[in-house]
Amino acid sequence: MVLMLPILGTQLAQTGMGVVDTLIAGLAGTLDLASIAVGSSIWLPLVLFEAGIMVALTPMVAHAKGAKNKKQSAHYLQQGIYLGLVIGLCAMAILLLGTKPLMSLMDISDDIQTITVDYLFYIALALPAVAIHQAFRSYNEAVHLTKPVTAIAFAGLLLNIPLNLLFVFGWGPVEAMGGPGCGLASLIVFYMMTIAIWLFTHFSAHHQKVKPLQHFTAPNLKTIGSISAVGLPIGLAIFAEVSLFCIIALFIAQLGPVVVAAHQITLNITTVTFMVPLSLATALTVRVGHELGRGNALGAKQAWINAIYINLLFALGNGCILYFLRESLAGLYSQDQQVVTLAMLLLMHAAIFQISDSLQVGAAGALRGYKDTMVTLMISIISFWLVGLPLGYYLGLSQAAPMGAAGFWVGLIVGLSVNAVLLLSRLQFVSRRAINHQDITPHAVIQN
């Protein structure tokens, strides 16, 4: 919990930037809100994919810290920065070149396309900064320096609010840009946050014993390959889950701006509640990594068991909030009664899947601590793309059961539940294997 709370603050601050974009775009109009929703559905999977790869630094640095290998910790960060730069540039190119073809393929209306393309141009330019920032963030969280990361994230959130208002509505010589103004604000904030966390990691007294940015070494393909081997399955697993939500948003775009806006409101709210179990899962990755680095597989098991129980309590709380406050929450985003009514219906479905969502993200966090990522990826693909999405499409858009947006959320409930069961089974197996392979001396038994 001590590790989790600052991480939660960081996650909420970063998610808050998306909430600010959605709220201010909603004030600008339903069309701007729908365009930001479509744009977010395109760039968010890319951002979380590159961030997921960089998350590999967390268990790797945590293992090095547990083994008290300072030189190895610094080496991982430096090579992670190189990797982040390459990944960020690739993601930028994909977004710049792929936006128009993707929206044309999804048959999205021209009025939404026009605003979305301009919005995503600015987001694309920010992607290299996002990847490098995540490398610094993963390193600092792995060595228990979570509070400064949180402070930087909140500073970014506070800067994002006036910049959004300035560029969306205009002021003085700055002309109103509407929805694309949210993208320009995000571009500025992401680079400012990256500069801030670099300065902290380089000059802070907390880092003077290790000095991770001193004596910067050349790119080491072997280390970069090791980070990628752990991180790529993490990134792809996150991409598989997040892109499911975003592909659903693109399918729903066929149903008109009201449905898109309601789905985006629901997704925005549930993203905020999801930060609670996700933050605990991130802290769990660090704890499991530390215990395994110390050679204490039993301690690693106790950590994830405790975390799963805590996540269940959080899930019940989140579910109650979504169910009982659904009208008030939806009303914060839009004055359009049709949008609010549909969002309330979707929030009821979202309240149901809080338990399975919390269980699956907690199990995934523990498995990252064990560096067991490839099987997690395969399980996620099966659960989300072979179970959740086909079922949601059938219920939402097929002639046999045209439930609309609600059908997709039913598919999400089933997909997340399947994922939770499979990941928990895998976690039990991996944990038992680690304990069996550990040579426990009598002294270690007494300590445990």
Protein backbone atom coordinates (compact mmCIF):
# COMPACT_ATOMS: atom_id res chain seq x y z
CA MET A 1 0.00 0.00 0.00
CA VAL A 2 2.89 2.36 0.73
CA LEU A 3 4.21 1.72 -2.76
CA MET A 4 0.77 1.83 -4.32
CA LEU A 5 -0.55 5.19 -3.14
CA PRO A 6 2.00 7.44 -4.91
CA ILE A 7 1.70 5.26 -8.03
CA LEU A 8 -2.07 5.73 -7.85
CA GLY A 9 -1.54 9.48 -7.65
CA THR A 10 0.61 9.32 -10.79
CA GLN A 11 -1.92 7.19 -12.66
CA LEU A 12 -4.82 9.44 -11.67
CA ALA A 13 -2.93 12.54 -12.72
CA GLN A 14 -2.06 11.10 -16.11
CA THR A 15 -5.57 9.75 -16.61
CA GLY A 16 -6.87 13.13 -15.48
CA MET A 17 -5.35 14.63 -18.60
CA GLY A 18 -7.67 12.45 -20.68
CA VAL A 19 -10.59 13.41 -18.46
CA VAL A 20 -9.77 17.11 -18.94
CA ASP A 21 -9.63 16.61 -22.71
CA THR A 22 -13.01 14.89 -22.68
CA LEU A 23 -14.67 17.44 -20.39
CA ILE A 24 -13.43 20.47 -22.33
CA ALA A 25 -14.16 18.86 -25.70
CA GLY A 26 -17.68 18.16 -24.41
CA LEU A 27 -18.09 21.85 -23.57
CA ALA A 28 -17.02 22.70 -27.13
CA GLY A 29 -19.79 20.47 -28.54
CA THR A 30 -20.95 16.90 -29.14
CA LEU A 31 -19.07 16.71 -32.46
CA ASP A 32 -15.79 17.71 -30.81
CA LEU A 33 -16.40 15.19 -28.02
CA ALA A 34 -17.10 12.42 -30.54
CA SER A 35 -13.95 13.33 -32.51
CA ILE A 36 -11.76 13.24 -29.39
CA ALA A 37 -13.35 9.88 -28.54
CA VAL A 38 -12.44 8.45 -31.95
CA GLY A 39 -8.95 9.99 -31.78
CA SER A 40 -8.34 8.59 -28.30
CA SER A 41 -9.41 5.17 -29.53
CA ILE A 42 -6.64 5.32 -32.13
CA TRP A 43 -3.72 6.77 -30.16
CA LEU A 44 -4.33 5.24 -26.74
CA PRO A 45 -3.45 1.64 -27.75
CA LEU A 46 -0.20 2.89 -29.30
CA VAL A 47 0.75 4.89 -26.21
CA LEU A 48 -0.01 2.04 -23.84
CA PHE A 49 1.80 -0.42 -26.11
CA GLU A 50 5.01 1.61 -25.97
CA ALA A 51 4.54 2.28 -22.26
CA GLY A 52 3.98 -1.44 -21.69
CA ILE A 53 7.31 -2.29 -23.29
CA MET A 54 9.06 0.24 -21.05
CA VAL A 55 7.31 -1.22 -17.99
CA ALA A 56 9.76 -4.13 -18.38
CA LEU A 57 12.30 -1.90 -16.67
CA THR A 58 10.29 -2.12 -13.44
CA PRO A 59 10.79 -5.84 -12.66
CA MET A 60 14.31 -5.84 -14.12
CA VAL A 61 15.46 -2.89 -12.02
CA ALA A 62 13.56 -4.29 -9.02
CA HIS A 63 15.45 -7.58 -9.31
CA ALA A 64 18.75 -5.66 -9.56
CA LYS A 65 17.82 -3.56 -6.52
CA GLY A 66 16.86 -6.67 -4.55
CA ALA A 67 20.28 -8.12 -5.42
CA LYS A 68 21.91 -4.73 -4.54
CA ASN A 69 23.43 -4.39 -8.02
CA LYS A 70 23.52 -0.59 -8.54
CA LYS A 71 25.56 -0.68 -11.72
CA GLN A 72 23.08 -3.01 -13.38
CA SER A 73 20.17 -0.74 -12.40
CA ALA A 74 21.78 2.27 -14.08
CA HIS A 75 22.62 0.21 -17.15
CA TYR A 76 19.00 -0.86 -17.54
CA LEU A 77 17.78 2.76 -17.43
CA GLN A 78 20.28 3.98 -20.01
CA GLN A 79 19.47 1.19 -22.44
CA GLY A 80 15.77 1.71 -21.76
CA ILE A 81 16.07 5.34 -22.88
CA TYR A 82 17.59 4.24 -26.19
CA LEU A 83 14.81 1.70 -26.64
CA GLY A 84 12.15 4.27 -25.73
CA LEU A 85 13.39 6.72 -28.33
CA VAL A 86 13.23 4.12 -31.10
CA ILE A 87 9.79 2.89 -30.04
CA GLY A 88 8.46 6.44 -29.76
CA LEU A 89 9.62 7.39 -33.26
CA CYS A 90 8.08 4.23 -34.71
CA ALA A 91 4.77 4.90 -32.95
CA MET A 92 4.81 8.49 -34.23
CA ALA A 93 5.26 7.32 -37.81
CA ILE A 94 2.48 4.74 -37.48
CA LEU A 95 0.03 7.32 -36.15
CA LEU A 96 0.90 9.95 -38.78
CA LEU A 97 0.61 7.51 -41.68
CA GLY A 98 -2.18 5.26 -40.47
CA THR A 99 -4.88 7.59 -39.14
CA LYS A 100 -6.70 8.42 -42.37
CA PRO A 101 -6.67 4.88 -43.83
CA LEU A 102 -7.97 3.42 -40.56
CA MET A 103 -10.86 5.88 -40.26
CA SER A 104 -11.78 5.37 -43.90
CA LEU A 105 -11.77 1.61 -43.34
CA MET A 106 -14.10 2.04 -40.33
CA ASP A 107 -16.45 4.24 -42.41
CA ILE A 108 -16.35 7.13 -39.94
CA SER A 109 -18.21 10.27 -41.03
CA ASP A 110 -16.26 13.09 -42.69
CA ASP A 111 -17.10 15.70 -40.05
CA ILE A 112 -15.61 13.52 -37.29
CA GLN A 113 -12.62 12.59 -39.48
CA THR A 114 -11.63 16.21 -40.09
CA ILE A 115 -11.32 17.12 -36.41
CA THR A 116 -9.76 13.77 -35.46
CA VAL A 117 -6.93 14.00 -38.02
CA ASP A 118 -5.88 17.44 -36.76
CA TYR A 119 -6.06 16.27 -33.14
CA LEU A 120 -3.93 13.18 -33.79
CA PHE A 121 -1.24 15.16 -35.63
CA TYR A 122 -0.21 16.82 -32.34
CA ILE A 123 -0.54 13.59 -30.35
CA ALA A 124 1.78 11.80 -32.80
CA LEU A 125 4.54 14.36 -32.24
CA ALA A 126 4.34 13.68 -28.48
CA LEU A 127 4.87 9.90 -28.66
CA PRO A 128 8.71 9.87 -28.42
CA ALA A 129 8.47 11.93 -25.21
CA VAL A 130 5.84 9.54 -23.81
CA ALA A 131 8.10 6.49 -24.26
CA ILE A 132 11.18 8.14 -22.74
CA HIS A 133 9.13 9.48 -19.82
CA GLN A 134 7.88 5.94 -19.13
CA ALA A 135 11.46 4.64 -19.03
CA PHE A 136 12.33 7.19 -16.33
CA ARG A 137 9.10 6.51 -14.50
CA SER A 138 9.59 2.73 -14.45
CA TYR A 139 13.12 3.15 -13.11
CA ASN A 140 12.12 5.55 -10.33
CA GLU A 141 9.17 3.42 -9.23
CA ALA A 142 11.35 0.29 -9.16
CA VAL A 143 13.77 1.96 -6.71
CA HIS A 144 10.86 3.20 -4.54
CA LEU A 145 11.08 6.86 -5.63
CA THR A 146 7.38 7.13 -6.40
CA LYS A 147 6.44 10.46 -4.81
CA PRO A 148 8.55 12.69 -7.12
CA VAL A 149 7.04 10.89 -10.13
CA THR A 150 3.58 11.67 -8.73
CA ALA A 151 4.47 15.33 -8.20
CA ILE A 152 5.60 15.66 -11.82
CA ALA A 153 2.42 13.98 -13.05
CA PHE A 154 0.19 16.35 -11.05
CA ALA A 155 2.18 19.33 -12.30
CA GLY A 156 1.48 18.11 -15.85
CA LEU A 157 -2.22 17.79 -15.08
CA LEU A 158 -2.39 21.31 -13.68
CA LEU A 159 -0.60 22.67 -16.75
CA ASN A 160 -2.91 20.73 -19.06
CA ILE A 161 -6.07 22.45 -17.82
CA PRO A 162 -5.25 26.08 -18.79
CA LEU A 163 -3.55 24.96 -22.01
CA ASN A 164 -6.67 23.05 -23.02
CA LEU A 165 -8.89 26.03 -22.34
CA LEU A 166 -6.50 28.33 -24.19
CA PHE A 167 -6.21 26.28 -27.37
CA VAL A 168 -9.77 24.88 -27.52
CA PHE A 169 -11.63 28.16 -26.93
CA GLY A 170 -8.90 30.69 -27.78
CA TRP A 171 -7.90 33.83 -25.92
CA GLY A 172 -6.32 37.05 -27.12
CA PRO A 173 -4.12 36.36 -30.17
CA VAL A 174 -4.63 32.60 -29.85
CA GLU A 175 -7.49 31.48 -32.10
CA ALA A 176 -9.97 28.82 -30.96
CA MET A 177 -8.99 25.41 -32.33
CA GLY A 178 -11.80 23.27 -30.91
CA GLY A 179 -10.99 19.58 -30.40
CA PRO A 180 -7.49 19.69 -31.98
CA GLY A 181 -6.49 22.17 -29.27
CA CYS A 182 -6.56 19.26 -26.81
CA GLY A 183 -3.86 17.58 -28.85
CA LEU A 184 -1.61 20.63 -28.89
CA ALA A 185 -1.98 21.01 -25.12
CA SER A 186 -1.05 17.34 -24.60
CA LEU A 187 2.00 17.73 -26.85
CA ILE A 188 3.39 20.56 -24.73
CA VAL A 189 2.63 18.83 -21.43
CA PHE A 190 4.23 15.48 -22.39
CA TYR A 191 7.53 17.12 -23.31
CA MET A 192 7.53 19.27 -20.17
CA MET A 193 6.97 16.17 -18.00
CA THR A 194 9.77 14.29 -19.73
CA ILE A 195 12.21 17.14 -19.18
CA ALA A 196 11.16 17.40 -15.53
CA ILE A 197 11.66 13.70 -14.73
CA TRP A 198 15.03 13.71 -16.55
CA LEU A 199 16.21 16.66 -14.44
CA PHE A 200 15.04 14.92 -11.24
CA THR A 201 16.78 11.65 -12.10
CA HIS A 202 20.00 13.44 -13.02
CA PHE A 203 20.31 16.03 -10.23
CA SER A 204 18.27 14.75 -7.28
CA ALA A 205 20.12 13.81 -4.08
CA HIS A 206 18.15 10.53 -4.08
CA HIS A 207 20.04 9.38 -7.16
CA GLN A 208 23.56 10.45 -6.19
CA LYS A 209 24.59 7.02 -4.87
CA VAL A 210 23.81 5.30 -8.15
CA LYS A 211 24.00 8.28 -10.56
CA PRO A 212 22.14 6.39 -13.30
CA LEU A 213 22.73 9.02 -16.00
CA GLN A 214 26.43 9.49 -15.34
CA HIS A 215 28.89 7.83 -17.74
CA PHE A 216 26.23 7.19 -20.35
CA THR A 217 27.21 4.05 -22.27
CA ALA A 218 26.62 3.31 -25.94
CA PRO A 219 23.60 1.27 -27.00
CA ASN A 220 23.98 -2.36 -25.96
CA LEU A 221 21.95 -4.57 -28.27
CA LYS A 222 22.05 -7.52 -25.87
CA THR A 223 20.54 -5.50 -22.99
CA ILE A 224 18.04 -3.79 -25.28
CA GLY A 225 17.08 -7.24 -26.52
CA SER A 226 16.62 -8.46 -22.93
CA ILE A 227 14.37 -5.50 -22.10
CA SER A 228 12.40 -6.07 -25.28
CA ALA A 229 12.04 -9.80 -24.56
CA VAL A 230 10.35 -9.01 -21.24
CA GLY A 231 8.60 -5.83 -22.35
CA LEU A 232 7.22 -6.74 -25.76
CA PRO A 233 4.77 -9.35 -24.43
CA ILE A 234 3.72 -6.86 -21.72
CA GLY A 235 3.14 -4.16 -24.31
CA LEU A 236 1.26 -6.52 -26.61
CA ALA A 237 -0.90 -7.82 -23.72
CA ILE A 238 -1.82 -4.27 -22.73
CA PHE A 239 -2.38 -3.45 -26.40
CA ALA A 240 -4.67 -6.48 -26.75
CA GLU A 241 -6.85 -5.27 -23.88
CA VAL A 242 -6.87 -1.54 -24.58
CA SER A 243 -7.25 -1.89 -28.33
CA LEU A 244 -10.31 -4.03 -27.65
CA PHE A 245 -11.97 -1.05 -25.96
CA CYS A 246 -10.82 1.23 -28.75
CA ILE A 247 -11.90 -1.03 -31.61
CA ILE A 248 -15.30 -1.17 -29.93
CA ALA A 249 -15.38 2.65 -29.98
CA LEU A 250 -14.64 2.60 -33.71
CA PHE A 251 -17.41 0.05 -34.34
CA ILE A 252 -19.79 2.13 -32.26
CA ALA A 253 -18.88 5.21 -34.35
CA GLN A 254 -21.23 3.80 -36.99
CA LEU A 255 -24.14 4.43 -34.60
CA GLY A 256 -23.74 8.23 -34.50
CA PRO A 257 -22.29 10.98 -32.27
CA VAL A 258 -24.70 10.39 -29.35
CA VAL A 259 -23.70 6.74 -28.95
CA VAL A 260 -20.01 7.55 -29.43
CA ALA A 261 -20.19 10.29 -26.81
CA ALA A 262 -21.95 8.03 -24.29
CA HIS A 263 -19.41 5.26 -24.82
CA GLN A 264 -16.53 7.72 -24.43
CA ILE A 265 -17.98 9.08 -21.18
CA THR A 266 -18.32 5.56 -19.78
CA LEU A 267 -14.84 4.59 -20.92
CA ASN A 268 -13.41 7.78 -19.45
CA ILE A 269 -14.99 7.18 -16.04
CA THR A 270 -14.06 3.51 -15.89
CA THR A 271 -10.49 4.36 -16.89
CA VAL A 272 -10.27 6.50 -13.75
CA THR A 273 -11.60 3.72 -11.49
CA PHE A 274 -9.29 1.22 -13.22
CA MET A 275 -6.28 3.23 -12.02
CA VAL A 276 -6.83 1.89 -8.49
CA PRO A 277 -6.31 -1.85 -9.21
CA LEU A 278 -3.72 -0.99 -11.89
CA SER A 279 -1.65 0.99 -9.39
CA LEU A 280 -1.73 -1.87 -6.92
CA ALA A 281 -0.69 -4.23 -9.72
CA THR A 282 2.29 -1.98 -10.54
CA ALA A 283 3.33 -1.92 -6.88
CA LEU A 284 2.92 -5.69 -6.81
CA THR A 285 5.32 -6.05 -9.74
CA VAL A 286 7.93 -4.18 -7.71
CA ARG A 287 7.32 -6.19 -4.53
CA VAL A 288 7.43 -9.57 -6.29
CA GLY A 289 10.58 -8.50 -8.16
CA HIS A 290 12.30 -7.43 -4.94
CA GLU A 291 11.43 -10.66 -3.13
CA LEU A 292 12.60 -12.82 -6.02
CA GLY A 293 15.79 -10.75 -6.29
CA ARG A 294 16.42 -11.55 -2.61
CA GLY A 295 15.75 -15.24 -3.27
CA ASN A 296 12.49 -15.25 -1.28
CA ALA A 297 9.88 -16.99 -3.43
CA LEU A 298 7.59 -17.53 -0.42
CA GLY A 299 7.58 -13.79 0.27
CA ALA A 300 6.69 -13.15 -3.38
CA LYS A 301 3.70 -15.49 -3.06
CA GLN A 302 2.49 -13.80 0.12
CA ALA A 303 2.73 -10.42 -1.60
CA TRP A 304 0.48 -11.36 -4.50
CA ILE A 305 -2.05 -13.15 -2.29
CA ASN A 306 -2.43 -10.02 -0.16
CA ALA A 307 -2.70 -7.83 -3.26
CA ILE A 308 -5.47 -9.95 -4.79
CA TYR A 309 -7.58 -9.62 -1.62
CA ILE A 310 -7.01 -5.86 -1.47
CA ASN A 311 -7.95 -5.52 -5.15
CA LEU A 312 -11.24 -7.32 -4.50
CA LEU A 313 -12.11 -4.74 -1.85
CA PHE A 314 -11.27 -1.93 -4.25
CA ALA A 315 -13.42 -3.57 -6.93
CA LEU A 316 -16.46 -3.63 -4.67
CA GLY A 317 -15.97 0.04 -3.85
CA ASN A 318 -15.55 1.03 -7.49
CA GLY A 319 -18.61 -0.97 -8.50
CA CYS A 320 -20.76 0.80 -5.91
CA ILE A 321 -19.54 4.21 -7.07
CA LEU A 322 -20.33 3.47 -10.72
CA TYR A 323 -23.77 2.06 -9.96
CA PHE A 324 -25.12 4.50 -7.38
CA LEU A 325 -23.52 7.68 -8.79
CA ARG A 326 -23.95 6.90 -12.49
CA GLU A 327 -26.38 9.76 -13.18
CA SER A 328 -24.23 12.37 -11.45
CA LEU A 329 -21.06 11.14 -13.13
CA ALA A 330 -22.56 11.11 -16.63
CA GLY A 331 -24.03 14.57 -16.07
CA LEU A 332 -20.56 16.02 -15.51
CA TYR A 333 -19.62 15.31 -19.12
CA SER A 334 -22.65 16.35 -21.16
CA GLN A 335 -25.87 18.34 -21.00
CA ASP A 336 -27.38 16.23 -23.80
CA GLN A 337 -30.03 14.09 -22.08
CA GLN A 338 -29.80 11.34 -24.70
CA VAL A 339 -26.07 11.03 -24.10
CA VAL A 340 -26.51 11.00 -20.31
CA THR A 341 -29.25 8.34 -20.41
CA LEU A 342 -27.22 5.97 -22.56
CA ALA A 343 -24.06 6.57 -20.49
CA MET A 344 -26.00 5.63 -17.34
CA LEU A 345 -26.95 2.29 -18.93
CA LEU A 346 -23.35 1.57 -19.92
CA LEU A 347 -22.09 2.49 -16.45
CA MET A 348 -24.32 -0.21 -14.97
CA HIS A 349 -22.52 -2.76 -17.12
CA ALA A 350 -19.16 -1.26 -16.18
CA ALA A 351 -20.01 -1.67 -12.48
CA ILE A 352 -20.45 -5.40 -13.01
CA PHE A 353 -17.02 -6.09 -14.51
CA GLN A 354 -15.05 -4.33 -11.76
CA ILE A 355 -14.38 -7.60 -9.91
CA SER A 356 -13.07 -9.57 -12.90
CA ASP A 357 -11.11 -6.54 -14.13
CA SER A 358 -9.41 -6.09 -10.75
CA LEU A 359 -8.55 -9.79 -10.50
CA GLN A 360 -7.04 -10.00 -13.97
CA VAL A 361 -4.93 -6.85 -13.69
CA GLY A 362 -3.65 -7.94 -10.26
CA ALA A 363 -2.65 -11.36 -11.58
CA ALA A 364 -0.95 -9.77 -14.59
CA GLY A 365 1.03 -7.45 -12.30
CA ALA A 366 2.28 -10.37 -10.23
CA LEU A 367 3.25 -12.34 -13.34
CA ARG A 368 5.30 -9.35 -14.58
CA GLY A 369 7.22 -9.54 -11.29
CA TYR A 370 8.05 -13.15 -12.14
CA LYS A 371 9.04 -11.98 -15.67
CA ASP A 372 6.40 -14.40 -16.97
CA THR A 373 4.97 -12.35 -19.81
CA MET A 374 4.60 -14.48 -22.95
CA VAL A 375 1.87 -16.76 -21.61
CA THR A 376 0.08 -13.70 -20.22
CA LEU A 377 0.05 -12.26 -23.75
CA MET A 378 -1.44 -15.43 -25.23
CA ILE A 379 -4.12 -15.59 -22.53
CA SER A 380 -5.04 -11.95 -23.13
CA ILE A 381 -5.39 -12.45 -26.89
CA ILE A 382 -7.65 -15.46 -26.37
CA SER A 383 -9.82 -13.76 -23.74
CA PHE A 384 -10.26 -10.40 -25.44
CA TRP A 385 -10.07 -11.09 -29.16
CA LEU A 386 -11.44 -14.63 -29.44
CA VAL A 387 -14.10 -14.35 -26.72
CA GLY A 388 -14.91 -10.74 -25.73
CA LEU A 389 -14.90 -8.95 -29.10
CA PRO A 390 -16.79 -11.53 -31.21
CA LEU A 391 -19.46 -11.84 -28.52
CA GLY A 392 -19.72 -8.06 -28.18
CA TYR A 393 -20.00 -7.59 -31.95
CA TYR A 394 -22.70 -10.25 -32.17
CA LEU A 395 -24.73 -8.70 -29.35
CA GLY A 396 -24.10 -5.10 -30.42
CA LEU A 397 -24.36 -4.95 -34.19
CA SER A 398 -25.69 -8.23 -35.58
CA GLN A 399 -29.26 -8.46 -36.82
CA ALA A 400 -29.92 -11.35 -34.43
CA ALA A 401 -29.32 -9.33 -31.25
CA PRO A 402 -28.95 -5.60 -31.96
CA MET A 403 -28.22 -4.32 -28.42
CA GLY A 404 -26.01 -1.49 -29.67
CA ALA A 405 -23.30 -0.20 -27.34
CA ALA A 406 -24.61 -2.26 -24.40
CA GLY A 407 -23.91 -5.48 -26.31
CA PHE A 408 -20.23 -4.63 -26.56
CA TRP A 409 -20.04 -4.02 -22.82
CA VAL A 410 -21.59 -7.44 -22.16
CA GLY A 411 -18.81 -8.89 -24.32
CA LEU A 412 -16.27 -7.01 -22.21
CA ILE A 413 -17.67 -8.53 -19.02
CA VAL A 414 -17.32 -12.06 -20.39
CA GLY A 415 -13.85 -11.46 -21.86
CA LEU A 416 -12.47 -9.96 -18.65
CA SER A 417 -13.90 -12.82 -16.59
CA VAL A 418 -12.26 -15.45 -18.79
CA ASN A 419 -8.97 -13.55 -18.60
CA ALA A 420 -9.14 -13.36 -14.79
CA VAL A 421 -9.66 -17.11 -14.39
CA LEU A 422 -6.86 -18.04 -16.79
CA LEU A 423 -4.33 -15.55 -15.39
CA LEU A 424 -4.96 -16.60 -11.79
CA SER A 425 -4.42 -20.23 -12.78
CA ARG A 426 -1.16 -19.29 -14.49
CA LEU A 427 -0.04 -17.29 -11.44
CA GLN A 428 -0.63 -20.25 -9.15
CA PHE A 429 1.50 -22.44 -11.42
CA VAL A 430 4.37 -19.95 -11.78
CA SER A 431 4.45 -19.21 -8.05
CA ARG A 432 4.51 -22.89 -7.12
CA ARG A 433 7.29 -23.51 -9.65
CA ALA A 434 9.40 -20.68 -8.21
CA ILE A 435 9.04 -22.06 -4.68
CA ASN A 436 9.87 -25.61 -5.77
CA HIS A 437 13.00 -24.45 -7.59
CA GLN A 438 14.25 -22.41 -4.67
CA ASP A 439 16.83 -24.01 -2.37
CA ILE A 440 15.48 -23.16 1.09
CA THR A 441 18.13 -23.45 3.80
CA PRO A 442 17.11 -23.99 7.46
CA HIS A 443 18.13 -20.38 8.15
CA ALA A 444 15.90 -19.13 5.33
CA VAL A 445 13.01 -21.22 6.64
CA ILE A 446 13.36 -19.61 10.08
CA GLN A 447 13.45 -16.14 8.52
CA ASN A 448 10.34 -16.84 6.43
